[in-house]
C-alpha atoms as a PDB file:
ATOM      1  CA  UNK A   1      -1.429 -11.445   0.422  1.00  0.00           C
ATOM      2  CA  UNK A   2      -2.356 -12.771  -3.013  1.00  0.00           C
ATOM      3  CA  UNK A   3      -5.444 -11.407  -4.675  1.00  0.00           C
ATOM      4  CA  UNK A   4      -6.674 -14.661  -6.135  1.00  0.00           C
ATOM      5  CA  UNK A   5      -7.029 -16.579  -2.893  1.00  0.00           C
ATOM      6  CA  UNK A   6      -5.781 -14.348  -0.033  1.00  0.00           C
ATOM      7  CA  UNK A   7      -3.638 -17.247   1.149  1.00  0.00           C
ATOM      8  CA  UNK A   8      -1.096 -16.186   3.770  1.00  0.00           C
ATOM      9  CA  UNK A   9       0.725 -19.493   3.505  1.00  0.00           C
ATOM     10  CA  UNK A  10       1.013 -19.305  -0.272  1.00  0.00           C
ATOM     11  CA  UNK A  11       2.628 -15.885  -0.263  1.00  0.00           C
ATOM     12  CA  UNK A  12       4.910 -16.722   2.634  1.00  0.00           C
ATOM     13  CA  UNK A  13       6.125 -19.781   0.740  1.00  0.00           C
ATOM     14  CA  UNK A  14       6.610 -17.745  -2.420  1.00  0.00           C
ATOM     15  CA  UNK A  15       8.713 -15.179  -0.611  1.00  0.00           C
ATOM     16  CA  UNK A  16      10.779 -17.752   1.229  1.00  0.00           C
ATOM     17  CA  UNK A  17      11.388 -19.834  -1.872  1.00  0.00           C
ATOM     18  CA  UNK A  18      12.327 -16.986  -4.157  1.00  0.00           C
ATOM     19  CA  UNK A  19      14.994 -15.264  -2.059  1.00  0.00           C
ATOM     20  CA  UNK A  20      18.219 -16.783  -3.391  1.00  0.00           C
ATOM     21  CA  UNK A  21      20.600 -13.838  -3.205  1.00  0.00           C
ATOM     22  CA  UNK A  22      22.433 -12.480  -0.212  1.00  0.00           C
ATOM     23  CA  UNK A  23      21.375  -8.966   0.891  1.00  0.00           C
ATOM     24  CA  UNK A  24      24.623  -7.544  -0.478  1.00  0.00           C
ATOM     25  CA  UNK A  25      24.100  -9.228  -3.845  1.00  0.00           C
ATOM     26  CA  UNK A  26      20.498  -8.071  -4.070  1.00  0.00           C
ATOM     27  CA  UNK A  27      21.431  -4.501  -3.233  1.00  0.00           C
ATOM     28  CA  UNK A  28      24.065  -4.234  -5.946  1.00  0.00           C
ATOM     29  CA  UNK A  29      22.327  -6.224  -8.686  1.00  0.00           C
ATOM     30  CA  UNK A  30      20.306  -4.290 -11.252  1.00  0.00           C
ATOM     31  CA  UNK A  31      16.608  -5.260 -11.033  1.00  0.00           C
ATOM     32  CA  UNK A  32      15.335  -7.372 -13.904  1.00  0.00           C
ATOM     33  CA  UNK A  33      12.340  -6.076 -15.865  1.00  0.00           C
ATOM     34  CA  UNK A  34       9.686  -8.723 -16.309  1.00  0.00           C
ATOM     35  CA  UNK A  35      11.067 -10.748 -13.438  1.00  0.00           C
ATOM     36  CA  UNK A  36      11.407  -8.440 -10.426  1.00  0.00           C
ATOM     37  CA  UNK A  37       9.162  -5.651 -11.642  1.00  0.00           C
ATOM     38  CA  UNK A  38       6.672  -5.130 -14.443  1.00  0.00           C
ATOM     39  CA  UNK A  39       6.405  -2.252 -16.883  1.00  0.00           C
ATOM     40  CA  UNK A  40       2.751  -1.394 -17.385  1.00  0.00           C
ATOM     41  CA  UNK A  41       1.371  -1.745 -20.883  1.00  0.00           C
ATOM     42  CA  UNK A  42      -0.508   1.516 -20.428  1.00  0.00           C
ATOM     43  CA  UNK A  43       0.628   4.379 -18.212  1.00  0.00           C
ATOM     44  CA  UNK A  44      -1.612   5.087 -15.228  1.00  0.00           C
ATOM     45  CA  UNK A  45      -2.488   8.717 -14.366  1.00  0.00           C
ATOM     46  CA  UNK A  46      -0.737  10.108 -11.292  1.00  0.00           C
ATOM     47  CA  UNK A  47      -1.856  12.756  -8.799  1.00  0.00           C
ATOM     48  CA  UNK A  48       1.520  14.366  -8.188  1.00  0.00           C
ATOM     49  CA  UNK A  49       2.387  17.593 -10.007  1.00  0.00           C
ATOM     50  CA  UNK A  50       5.001  17.872 -12.725  1.00  0.00           C
ATOM     51  CA  UNK A  51       8.500  17.450 -11.347  1.00  0.00           C
ATOM     52  CA  UNK A  52       7.402  15.001  -8.660  1.00  0.00           C
ATOM     53  CA  UNK A  53       7.624  11.199  -8.799  1.00  0.00           C
ATOM     54  CA  UNK A  54       4.681   9.297  -7.344  1.00  0.00           C
ATOM     55  CA  UNK A  55       5.173   6.016  -5.492  1.00  0.00           C
ATOM     56  CA  UNK A  56       1.970   4.186  -4.572  1.00  0.00           C
ATOM     57  CA  UNK A  57       1.716   1.581  -1.828  1.00  0.00           C
ATOM     58  CA  UNK A  58      -1.259  -0.760  -2.142  1.00  0.00           C
ATOM     59  CA  UNK A  59      -2.250  -2.303   1.195  1.00  0.00           C
ATOM     60  CA  UNK A  60      -5.012  -3.900   3.239  1.00  0.00           C
ATOM     61  CA  UNK A  61      -5.228  -3.344   6.977  1.00  0.00           C
ATOM     62  CA  UNK A  62      -6.109  -7.006   7.635  1.00  0.00           C
ATOM     63  CA  UNK A  63      -3.110  -8.298   5.654  1.00  0.00           C
ATOM     64  CA  UNK A  64      -0.368  -9.626   7.981  1.00  0.00           C
ATOM     65  CA  UNK A  65       2.298  -8.907   5.355  1.00  0.00           C
ATOM     66  CA  UNK A  66       1.182  -5.281   5.094  1.00  0.00           C
ATOM     67  CA  UNK A  67       1.380  -5.047   8.873  1.00  0.00           C
ATOM     68  CA  UNK A  68       4.910  -6.500   8.854  1.00  0.00           C
ATOM     69  CA  UNK A  69       5.967  -4.170   6.035  1.00  0.00           C
ATOM     70  CA  UNK A  70       4.569  -0.951   7.534  1.00  0.00           C
ATOM     71  CA  UNK A  71       7.533  -0.108   9.831  1.00  0.00           C
ATOM     72  CA  UNK A  72      10.025  -0.588   6.969  1.00  0.00           C
ATOM     73  CA  UNK A  73       7.915   1.483   4.608  1.00  0.00           C
ATOM     74  CA  UNK A  74       7.530   4.236   7.177  1.00  0.00           C
ATOM     75  CA  UNK A  75      11.286   4.345   7.816  1.00  0.00           C
ATOM     76  CA  UNK A  76      11.982   4.335   4.067  1.00  0.00           C
ATOM     77  CA  UNK A  77       9.471   7.143   3.496  1.00  0.00           C
ATOM     78  CA  UNK A  78      11.350   9.389   5.902  1.00  0.00           C
ATOM     79  CA  UNK A  79      14.444   9.172   3.669  1.00  0.00           C
ATOM     80  CA  UNK A  80      12.718  10.056   0.397  1.00  0.00           C
ATOM     81  CA  UNK A  81      14.108  12.924  -1.677  1.00  0.00           C
ATOM     82  CA  UNK A  82      11.968  16.026  -2.015  1.00  0.00           C
ATOM     83  CA  UNK A  83      10.839  15.071  -5.517  1.00  0.00           C
ATOM     84  CA  UNK A  84       9.325  11.727  -4.443  1.00  0.00           C
ATOM     85  CA  UNK A  85       5.798  11.502  -3.022  1.00  0.00           C
ATOM     86  CA  UNK A  86       4.480   8.369  -1.292  1.00  0.00           C
ATOM     87  CA  UNK A  87       0.767   7.757  -1.720  1.00  0.00           C
ATOM     88  CA  UNK A  88      -1.045   4.980   0.143  1.00  0.00           C
ATOM     89  CA  UNK A  89      -4.009   3.208  -1.450  1.00  0.00           C
ATOM     90  CA  UNK A  90      -6.192   0.707   0.442  1.00  0.00           C
ATOM     91  CA  UNK A  91      -7.239  -2.069  -1.916  1.00  0.00           C
ATOM     92  CA  UNK A  92     -10.771  -3.309  -2.545  1.00  0.00           C
ATOM     93  CA  UNK A  93     -10.423  -6.831  -3.899  1.00  0.00           C
ATOM     94  CA  UNK A  94     -13.877  -7.715  -2.577  1.00  0.00           C
ATOM     95  CA  UNK A  95     -16.921  -5.826  -1.287  1.00  0.00           C
ATOM     96  CA  UNK A  96     -16.010  -6.606   2.320  1.00  0.00           C
ATOM     97  CA  UNK A  97     -12.788  -4.608   1.898  1.00  0.00           C
ATOM     98  CA  UNK A  98     -14.784  -1.388   1.473  1.00  0.00           C
ATOM     99  CA  UNK A  99     -15.220  -0.562   5.201  1.00  0.00           C
ATOM    100  CA  UNK A 100     -11.456  -0.421   5.679  1.00  0.00           C
ATOM    101  CA  UNK A 101     -11.044   1.587   2.491  1.00  0.00           C
ATOM    102  CA  UNK A 102     -13.533   4.064   3.933  1.00  0.00           C
ATOM    103  CA  UNK A 103     -11.655   3.989   7.243  1.00  0.00           C
ATOM    104  CA  UNK A 104      -8.380   5.020   5.612  1.00  0.00           C
ATOM    105  CA  UNK A 105      -9.872   7.792   3.518  1.00  0.00           C
ATOM    106  CA  UNK A 106     -11.968   9.124   6.401  1.00  0.00           C
ATOM    107  CA  UNK A 107      -8.837   9.333   8.565  1.00  0.00           C
ATOM    108  CA  UNK A 108      -7.025  11.016   5.682  1.00  0.00           C
ATOM    109  CA  UNK A 109      -9.788  13.582   5.209  1.00  0.00           C
ATOM    110  CA  UNK A 110      -9.681  14.409   8.928  1.00  0.00           C
ATOM    111  CA  UNK A 111      -5.891  14.776   9.022  1.00  0.00           C
ATOM    112  CA  UNK A 112      -5.508  11.716  11.260  1.00  0.00           C
ATOM    113  CA  UNK A 113      -3.298   9.429   9.180  1.00  0.00           C
ATOM    114  CA  UNK A 114      -0.088  10.264  11.030  1.00  0.00           C
ATOM    115  CA  UNK A 115      -1.823   9.707  14.369  1.00  0.00           C
ATOM    116  CA  UNK A 116      -3.872   6.581  13.672  1.00  0.00           C
ATOM    117  CA  UNK A 117      -2.727   4.713  10.533  1.00  0.00           C
ATOM    118  CA  UNK A 118      -0.150   2.548  12.324  1.00  0.00           C
ATOM    119  CA  UNK A 119      -2.507   2.133  15.276  1.00  0.00           C
ATOM    120  CA  UNK A 120      -5.088   0.486  13.008  1.00  0.00           C
ATOM    121  CA  UNK A 121      -2.556  -2.228  12.173  1.00  0.00           C
ATOM    122  CA  UNK A 122      -1.767  -2.660  15.875  1.00  0.00           C
ATOM    123  CA  UNK A 123      -5.441  -2.905  16.807  1.00  0.00           C
ATOM    124  CA  UNK A 124      -6.013  -5.660  14.238  1.00  0.00           C
ATOM    125  CA  UNK A 125      -2.787  -7.663  14.421  1.00  0.00           C
ATOM    126  CA  UNK A 126      -1.698  -7.184  18.044  1.00  0.00           C
ATOM    127  CA  UNK A 127      -4.922  -6.483  19.921  1.00  0.00           C
ATOM    128  CA  UNK A 128      -6.870  -8.897  17.649  1.00  0.00           C
ATOM    129  CA  UNK A 129      -9.743  -6.483  17.137  1.00  0.00           C
ATOM    130  CA  UNK A 130     -12.272  -7.057  14.366  1.00  0.00           C
ATOM    131  CA  UNK A 131     -12.340  -3.803  12.392  1.00  0.00           C
ATOM    132  CA  UNK A 132     -14.116  -5.178   9.355  1.00  0.00           C
ATOM    133  CA  UNK A 133     -17.440  -3.376   9.861  1.00  0.00           C
ATOM    134  CA  UNK A 134     -18.395   0.249  10.057  1.00  0.00           C
ATOM    135  CA  UNK A 135     -19.859   0.134  13.574  1.00  0.00           C
ATOM    136  CA  UNK A 136     -16.755  -1.509  15.028  1.00  0.00           C
ATOM    137  CA  UNK A 137     -14.531   0.916  13.150  1.00  0.00           C
ATOM    138  CA  UNK A 138     -16.439   3.947  14.452  1.00  0.00           C
ATOM    139  CA  UNK A 139     -16.292   2.606  17.994  1.00  0.00           C
ATOM    140  CA  UNK A 140     -12.538   2.060  17.820  1.00  0.00           C
ATOM    141  CA  UNK A 141     -11.888   5.493  16.314  1.00  0.00           C
ATOM    142  CA  UNK A 142     -13.951   7.087  19.097  1.00  0.00           C
ATOM    143  CA  UNK A 143     -11.779   5.265  21.650  1.00  0.00           C
ATOM    144  CA  UNK A 144      -8.786   7.085  20.140  1.00  0.00           C
ATOM    145  CA  UNK A 145     -10.289  10.418  21.173  1.00  0.00           C
ATOM    146  CA  UNK A 146     -11.868  11.278  17.819  1.00  0.00           C
ATOM    147  CA  UNK A 147     -15.363  12.760  17.696  1.00  0.00           C
ATOM    148  CA  UNK A 148     -17.528   9.779  16.703  1.00  0.00           C
ATOM    149  CA  UNK A 149     -20.208  11.815  14.931  1.00  0.00           C
ATOM    150  CA  UNK A 150     -17.668  13.724  12.857  1.00  0.00           C
ATOM    151  CA  UNK A 151     -15.899  10.509  11.898  1.00  0.00           C
ATOM    152  CA  UNK A 152     -19.142   8.802  10.871  1.00  0.00           C
ATOM    153  CA  UNK A 153     -20.120  11.838   8.792  1.00  0.00           C
ATOM    154  CA  UNK A 154     -16.815  11.623   6.938  1.00  0.00           C
ATOM    155  CA  UNK A 155     -16.892   7.812   6.698  1.00  0.00           C
ATOM    156  CA  UNK A 156     -20.390   7.772   5.152  1.00  0.00           C
ATOM    157  CA  UNK A 157     -19.912  10.804   2.907  1.00  0.00           C
ATOM    158  CA  UNK A 158     -20.217  10.676  -0.896  1.00  0.00           C
ATOM    159  CA  UNK A 159     -16.728  12.158  -1.120  1.00  0.00           C
ATOM    160  CA  UNK A 160     -15.254   9.140   0.659  1.00  0.00           C
ATOM    161  CA  UNK A 161     -17.314   6.850  -1.551  1.00  0.00           C
ATOM    162  CA  UNK A 162     -15.755   8.515  -4.593  1.00  0.00           C
ATOM    163  CA  UNK A 163     -12.269   8.015  -3.156  1.00  0.00           C
ATOM    164  CA  UNK A 164     -13.027   4.320  -2.618  1.00  0.00           C
ATOM    165  CA  UNK A 165     -14.122   3.937  -6.244  1.00  0.00           C
ATOM    166  CA  UNK A 166     -11.014   5.742  -7.473  1.00  0.00           C
ATOM    167  CA  UNK A 167      -8.759   3.572  -5.278  1.00  0.00           C
ATOM    168  CA  UNK A 168     -10.287   0.384  -6.638  1.00  0.00           C
ATOM    169  CA  UNK A 169      -9.938   1.664 -10.195  1.00  0.00           C
ATOM    170  CA  UNK A 170      -6.267   2.480  -9.545  1.00  0.00           C
ATOM    171  CA  UNK A 171      -5.518  -0.983  -8.172  1.00  0.00           C
ATOM    172  CA  UNK A 172      -7.112  -2.468 -11.288  1.00  0.00           C
ATOM    173  CA  UNK A 173      -5.156  -0.141 -13.570  1.00  0.00           C
ATOM    174  CA  UNK A 174      -1.935  -1.344 -11.929  1.00  0.00           C
ATOM    175  CA  UNK A 175      -3.196  -4.969 -12.085  1.00  0.00           C
ATOM    176  CA  UNK A 176      -2.370  -5.409  -8.409  1.00  0.00           C
ATOM    177  CA  UNK A 177      -1.950  -9.138  -7.808  1.00  0.00           C
ATOM    178  CA  UNK A 178      -1.503  -9.029  -4.040  1.00  0.00           C
ATOM    179  CA  UNK A 179      -0.530  -6.795  -1.159  1.00  0.00           C
ATOM    180  CA  UNK A 180       1.647  -5.141  -0.103  1.00  0.00           C
ATOM    181  CA  UNK A 181       2.633  -3.875  -3.544  1.00  0.00           C
ATOM    182  CA  UNK A 182       4.159  -0.703  -4.953  1.00  0.00           C
ATOM    183  CA  UNK A 183       3.673   1.244  -8.158  1.00  0.00           C
ATOM    184  CA  UNK A 184       6.074   3.854  -9.491  1.00  0.00           C
ATOM    185  CA  UNK A 185       5.201   6.914 -11.588  1.00  0.00           C
ATOM    186  CA  UNK A 186       2.208   5.198 -13.156  1.00  0.00           C
ATOM    187  CA  UNK A 187       4.647   3.077 -15.160  1.00  0.00           C
ATOM    188  CA  UNK A 188       5.953   0.217 -13.028  1.00  0.00           C
ATOM    189  CA  UNK A 189       4.647  -2.374 -10.580  1.00  0.00           C
ATOM    190  CA  UNK A 190       6.329  -4.744  -8.135  1.00  0.00           C
ATOM    191  CA  UNK A 191       5.471  -6.788  -5.067  1.00  0.00           C
ATOM    192  CA  UNK A 192       7.045  -9.315  -2.731  1.00  0.00           C
ATOM    193  CA  UNK A 193       6.038 -12.363  -4.748  1.00  0.00           C
ATOM    194  CA  UNK A 194       7.655 -10.954  -7.899  1.00  0.00           C
ATOM    195  CA  UNK A 195      10.795  -9.520  -6.344  1.00  0.00           C
ATOM    196  CA  UNK A 196      11.515 -12.087  -3.661  1.00  0.00           C
ATOM    197  CA  UNK A 197      11.066  -9.924  -0.562  1.00  0.00           C
ATOM    198  CA  UNK A 198       9.668  -6.579   0.479  1.00  0.00           C
ATOM    199  CA  UNK A 199      13.192  -5.393   1.312  1.00  0.00           C
ATOM    200  CA  UNK A 200      14.070  -6.063  -2.323  1.00  0.00           C
ATOM    201  CA  UNK A 201      10.907  -4.217  -3.393  1.00  0.00           C
ATOM    202  CA  UNK A 202      12.190  -1.028  -1.781  1.00  0.00           C
ATOM    203  CA  UNK A 203      15.551  -1.408  -3.532  1.00  0.00           C
ATOM    204  CA  UNK A 204      13.739  -1.877  -6.844  1.00  0.00           C
ATOM    205  CA  UNK A 205      11.571   1.172  -6.237  1.00  0.00           C
ATOM    206  CA  UNK A 206      14.668   3.272  -5.499  1.00  0.00           C
ATOM    207  CA  UNK A 207      16.156   2.073  -8.790  1.00  0.00           C
ATOM    208  CA  UNK A 208      12.975   2.843 -10.748  1.00  0.00           C
ATOM    209  CA  UNK A 209      12.644   6.273  -9.177  1.00  0.00           C
ATOM    210  CA  UNK A 210      16.203   7.072 -10.270  1.00  0.00           C
ATOM    211  CA  UNK A 211      15.357   5.942 -13.816  1.00  0.00           C
ATOM    212  CA  UNK A 212      12.230   8.111 -13.915  1.00  0.00           C
ATOM    213  CA  UNK A 213      14.207  11.066 -12.592  1.00  0.00           C
ATOM    214  CA  UNK A 214      16.809  10.540 -15.315  1.00  0.00           C
ATOM    215  CA  UNK A 215      14.083  10.551 -17.949  1.00  0.00           C
ATOM    216  CA  UNK A 216      14.532   6.918 -18.933  1.00  0.00           C
END
């Protein structure tokens, strides 16, 4: 979903119109810098230790494209080499994105991402639940068997507020134009509108990871 107007139709049209290669052609063709991915003018700090390559996914729970991409990303993440670390970052394009940023980081702090991350997407996009406010979020989390008071304490904590600020700063450092999007090693950025499809994005990320590993 594009940052400037959050138009589902606009991004869908961009993706449909830009895919001109067959899957086999796309898989074998070397990604084009400046066209399918961008090299950042200034390197962004990463959290992974030396010897590891950080891949960042920028997402928004309410974004239908992020919901559609999640199963592919999850499957791809299970094939990653030991030196690649996937980090998820909920974006904060506007103030009303903050509750879902807090939701993600509260779940992360409680060790509940594996259990509930995908279920948040299902609740919003399949069950049509409105999880845009803190009270609704807390109620839904409690329905999943999580202690409501403990979740609210984490959700409202200064530590989670700091994580939200850092996430928003990271999205700005990467100049995230829309979601879903991926950053690689603090050096590169790509998304579906640039590359043509999210399947192509994953191929591009694999290519960039190999380049980083080779010291290029």
